[in-house]
């Protein structure tokens, strides 16, 4: 039974992260469509709104809830709380806060309020990558992971991601 629950947990983690990655891309596209001239703006925003709603309520939210259900079930079956799992659960709690921040952006864009630029949203999208790396490393490597090296690795990776985002922006601007 344990391995079936674990498999379902992993499946819903994957679909949750897929939703998190893609919804922010749709936010980026919507923010860029919002500055286009009519009628292109209205057509694109309508289509992106439909896509966002289907993704958010049809895949991302159900996957998040099922991830938490099967994760809690695994925790119950595991019957222990080693340090690595406690740290992982802290990252999962932070990931859920990130998820809620995306829900706020989803609601804002649904009302036609575009608080963030496409560039800001691209940077925000990389938060999910940092969560994914942190959570998977903790789940796989467990207590063998050095905290110092893990934090250093995350910081270096975050710097590389932010640098890549800036380079991408410069390349896009030079092509225009």
Protein backbone atom coordinates (compact mmCIF):
# COMPACT_ATOMS: atom_id res chain seq x y z
CA UNK A 1 0.00 0.00 0.00
CA UNK A 2 2.84 2.39 0.90
CA UNK A 3 4.33 2.35 -2.62
CA UNK A 4 0.96 3.01 -4.28
CA UNK A 5 0.41 6.03 -2.05
CA UNK A 6 3.96 7.21 -2.74
CA UNK A 7 3.45 6.81 -6.51
CA UNK A 8 0.21 8.82 -6.37
CA UNK A 9 1.94 11.49 -4.28
CA UNK A 10 4.74 11.81 -6.86
CA UNK A 11 2.26 11.91 -9.76
CA UNK A 12 0.34 14.77 -8.18
CA UNK A 13 3.55 16.61 -7.26
CA UNK A 14 4.49 16.48 -10.94
CA UNK A 15 1.10 17.73 -12.12
CA UNK A 16 1.06 20.44 -9.43
CA UNK A 17 4.45 21.75 -10.52
CA UNK A 18 3.40 21.54 -14.17
CA UNK A 19 0.46 23.77 -13.34
CA UNK A 20 2.60 26.19 -11.34
CA UNK A 21 5.11 26.54 -14.16
CA UNK A 22 2.53 26.94 -16.89
CA UNK A 23 0.15 29.32 -15.09
CA UNK A 24 2.90 31.90 -14.70
CA UNK A 25 3.73 31.58 -18.41
CA UNK A 26 0.08 32.37 -19.09
CA UNK A 27 0.36 35.37 -16.73
CA UNK A 28 3.39 36.54 -18.75
CA UNK A 29 1.52 36.15 -22.03
CA UNK A 30 -1.51 37.99 -20.60
CA UNK A 31 0.65 40.86 -19.34
CA UNK A 32 2.21 41.15 -22.80
CA UNK A 33 -1.18 40.92 -24.52
CA UNK A 34 -2.54 43.65 -22.26
CA UNK A 35 -0.27 46.23 -23.90
CA UNK A 36 -1.16 45.24 -27.48
CA UNK A 37 -3.58 47.33 -29.58
CA UNK A 38 -7.23 46.41 -29.98
CA UNK A 39 -8.73 44.07 -31.21
CA UNK A 40 -5.65 41.84 -30.73
CA UNK A 41 -5.56 42.69 -27.01
CA UNK A 42 -9.17 41.64 -26.36
CA UNK A 43 -8.89 38.44 -28.38
CA UNK A 44 -5.68 37.31 -26.66
CA UNK A 45 -6.83 38.25 -23.16
CA UNK A 46 -10.07 36.32 -23.63
CA UNK A 47 -8.22 33.20 -24.80
CA UNK A 48 -5.57 33.40 -22.07
CA UNK A 49 -8.28 33.88 -19.45
CA UNK A 50 -10.01 30.67 -20.55
CA UNK A 51 -6.69 28.80 -20.52
CA UNK A 52 -5.80 30.16 -17.06
CA UNK A 53 -9.14 29.20 -15.57
CA UNK A 54 -9.04 25.66 -16.95
CA UNK A 55 -5.45 25.11 -15.86
CA UNK A 56 -5.84 26.67 -12.42
CA UNK A 57 -9.11 25.04 -11.36
CA UNK A 58 -8.90 21.87 -13.44
CA UNK A 59 -5.29 20.84 -12.85
CA UNK A 60 -3.27 23.00 -10.48
CA UNK A 61 -5.59 23.30 -7.48
CA UNK A 62 -6.75 19.65 -7.57
CA UNK A 63 -3.11 18.51 -7.91
CA UNK A 64 -2.04 20.68 -4.97
CA UNK A 65 -4.78 19.29 -2.77
CA UNK A 66 -4.13 15.68 -3.78
CA UNK A 67 -0.38 16.17 -3.26
CA UNK A 68 -1.07 17.33 0.29
CA UNK A 69 -3.52 14.48 0.93
CA UNK A 70 -1.19 11.73 -0.31
CA UNK A 71 1.81 13.43 1.32
CA UNK A 72 -0.02 13.52 4.64
CA UNK A 73 -0.97 9.89 4.19
CA UNK A 74 2.70 9.00 3.55
CA UNK A 75 3.70 10.92 6.65
CA UNK A 76 1.14 8.92 8.62
CA UNK A 77 2.47 5.64 7.19
CA UNK A 78 6.09 6.73 7.71
CA UNK A 79 5.26 7.36 11.39
CA UNK A 80 8.33 9.45 11.99
CA UNK A 81 9.55 12.99 11.50
CA UNK A 82 13.26 12.97 10.75
CA UNK A 83 15.00 16.33 10.35
CA UNK A 84 15.16 16.15 6.55
CA UNK A 85 11.38 15.62 6.40
CA UNK A 86 10.75 18.55 8.73
CA UNK A 87 12.87 20.79 6.49
CA UNK A 88 11.08 19.44 3.40
CA UNK A 89 7.71 20.19 4.99
CA UNK A 90 8.85 23.77 5.61
CA UNK A 91 9.67 24.07 1.90
CA UNK A 92 6.27 22.55 1.04
CA UNK A 93 4.56 25.10 3.30
CA UNK A 94 6.50 27.89 1.54
CA UNK A 95 5.54 26.35 -1.83
CA UNK A 96 1.90 26.48 -0.82
CA UNK A 97 2.32 30.18 0.07
CA UNK A 98 3.83 30.66 -3.39
CA UNK A 99 0.79 28.84 -4.82
CA UNK A 100 -1.49 31.25 -2.95
CA UNK A 101 0.48 34.22 -4.30
CA UNK A 102 -0.18 32.90 -7.81
CA UNK A 103 -3.86 32.60 -6.93
CA UNK A 104 -3.82 36.30 -6.05
CA UNK A 105 -2.26 37.15 -9.43
CA UNK A 106 -4.80 34.86 -11.13
CA UNK A 107 -7.69 36.74 -9.48
CA UNK A 108 -6.15 40.14 -10.31
CA UNK A 109 -5.67 39.30 -13.98
CA UNK A 110 -9.18 37.85 -14.17
CA UNK A 111 -10.42 41.32 -13.12
CA UNK A 112 -8.22 43.02 -15.73
CA UNK A 113 -5.68 44.29 -13.19
CA UNK A 114 -2.09 43.73 -14.32
CA UNK A 115 0.09 44.65 -11.37
CA UNK A 116 3.27 42.95 -12.64
CA UNK A 117 5.22 43.30 -15.86
CA UNK A 118 6.04 40.27 -17.96
CA UNK A 119 9.66 40.57 -16.80
CA UNK A 120 8.66 40.52 -13.12
CA UNK A 121 6.45 37.51 -13.74
CA UNK A 122 9.30 35.68 -15.52
CA UNK A 123 11.45 36.16 -12.42
CA UNK A 124 8.60 35.07 -10.13
CA UNK A 125 8.19 31.93 -12.26
CA UNK A 126 11.69 30.81 -11.25
CA UNK A 127 10.65 30.54 -7.61
CA UNK A 128 8.90 27.28 -8.48
CA UNK A 129 12.20 25.98 -9.88
CA UNK A 130 13.96 26.73 -6.60
CA UNK A 131 11.21 24.98 -4.65
CA UNK A 132 11.33 21.98 -6.96
CA UNK A 133 15.09 21.58 -6.59
CA UNK A 134 14.97 22.02 -2.82
CA UNK A 135 12.12 19.59 -2.23
CA UNK A 136 13.39 16.89 -4.58
CA UNK A 137 16.94 17.09 -3.19
CA UNK A 138 15.62 16.75 0.35
CA UNK A 139 13.36 13.84 -0.58
CA UNK A 140 16.08 11.94 -2.42
CA UNK A 141 19.31 12.77 -0.60
CA UNK A 142 17.70 13.12 2.84
CA UNK A 143 20.10 13.52 5.76
CA UNK A 144 23.24 13.09 3.63
CA UNK A 145 22.72 16.61 2.26
CA UNK A 146 24.96 19.21 3.84
CA UNK A 147 22.93 22.25 4.85
CA UNK A 148 25.77 24.64 4.01
CA UNK A 149 26.30 23.17 0.54
CA UNK A 150 22.57 23.03 -0.08
CA UNK A 151 22.10 26.72 0.75
CA UNK A 152 25.18 27.68 -1.25
CA UNK A 153 23.94 25.64 -4.21
CA UNK A 154 20.51 27.26 -4.08
CA UNK A 155 22.00 30.75 -3.92
CA UNK A 156 24.31 30.05 -6.87
CA UNK A 157 21.45 28.53 -8.85
CA UNK A 158 19.20 31.52 -8.07
CA UNK A 159 21.92 33.91 -9.25
CA UNK A 160 22.33 31.92 -12.47
CA UNK A 161 18.55 31.97 -13.04
CA UNK A 162 18.28 35.73 -12.48
CA UNK A 163 21.26 36.35 -14.76
CA UNK A 164 19.66 34.21 -17.46
CA UNK A 165 16.41 36.17 -17.14
CA UNK A 166 18.27 39.47 -17.56
CA UNK A 167 20.21 38.15 -20.55
CA UNK A 168 16.99 36.94 -22.14
CA UNK A 169 15.46 40.39 -21.64
CA UNK A 170 18.46 42.07 -23.31
CA UNK A 171 18.28 39.66 -26.24
CA UNK A 172 14.55 40.29 -26.68
CA UNK A 173 15.03 44.06 -26.49
CA UNK A 174 17.89 44.00 -29.01
CA UNK A 175 15.70 42.10 -31.51
CA UNK A 176 12.94 44.72 -31.31
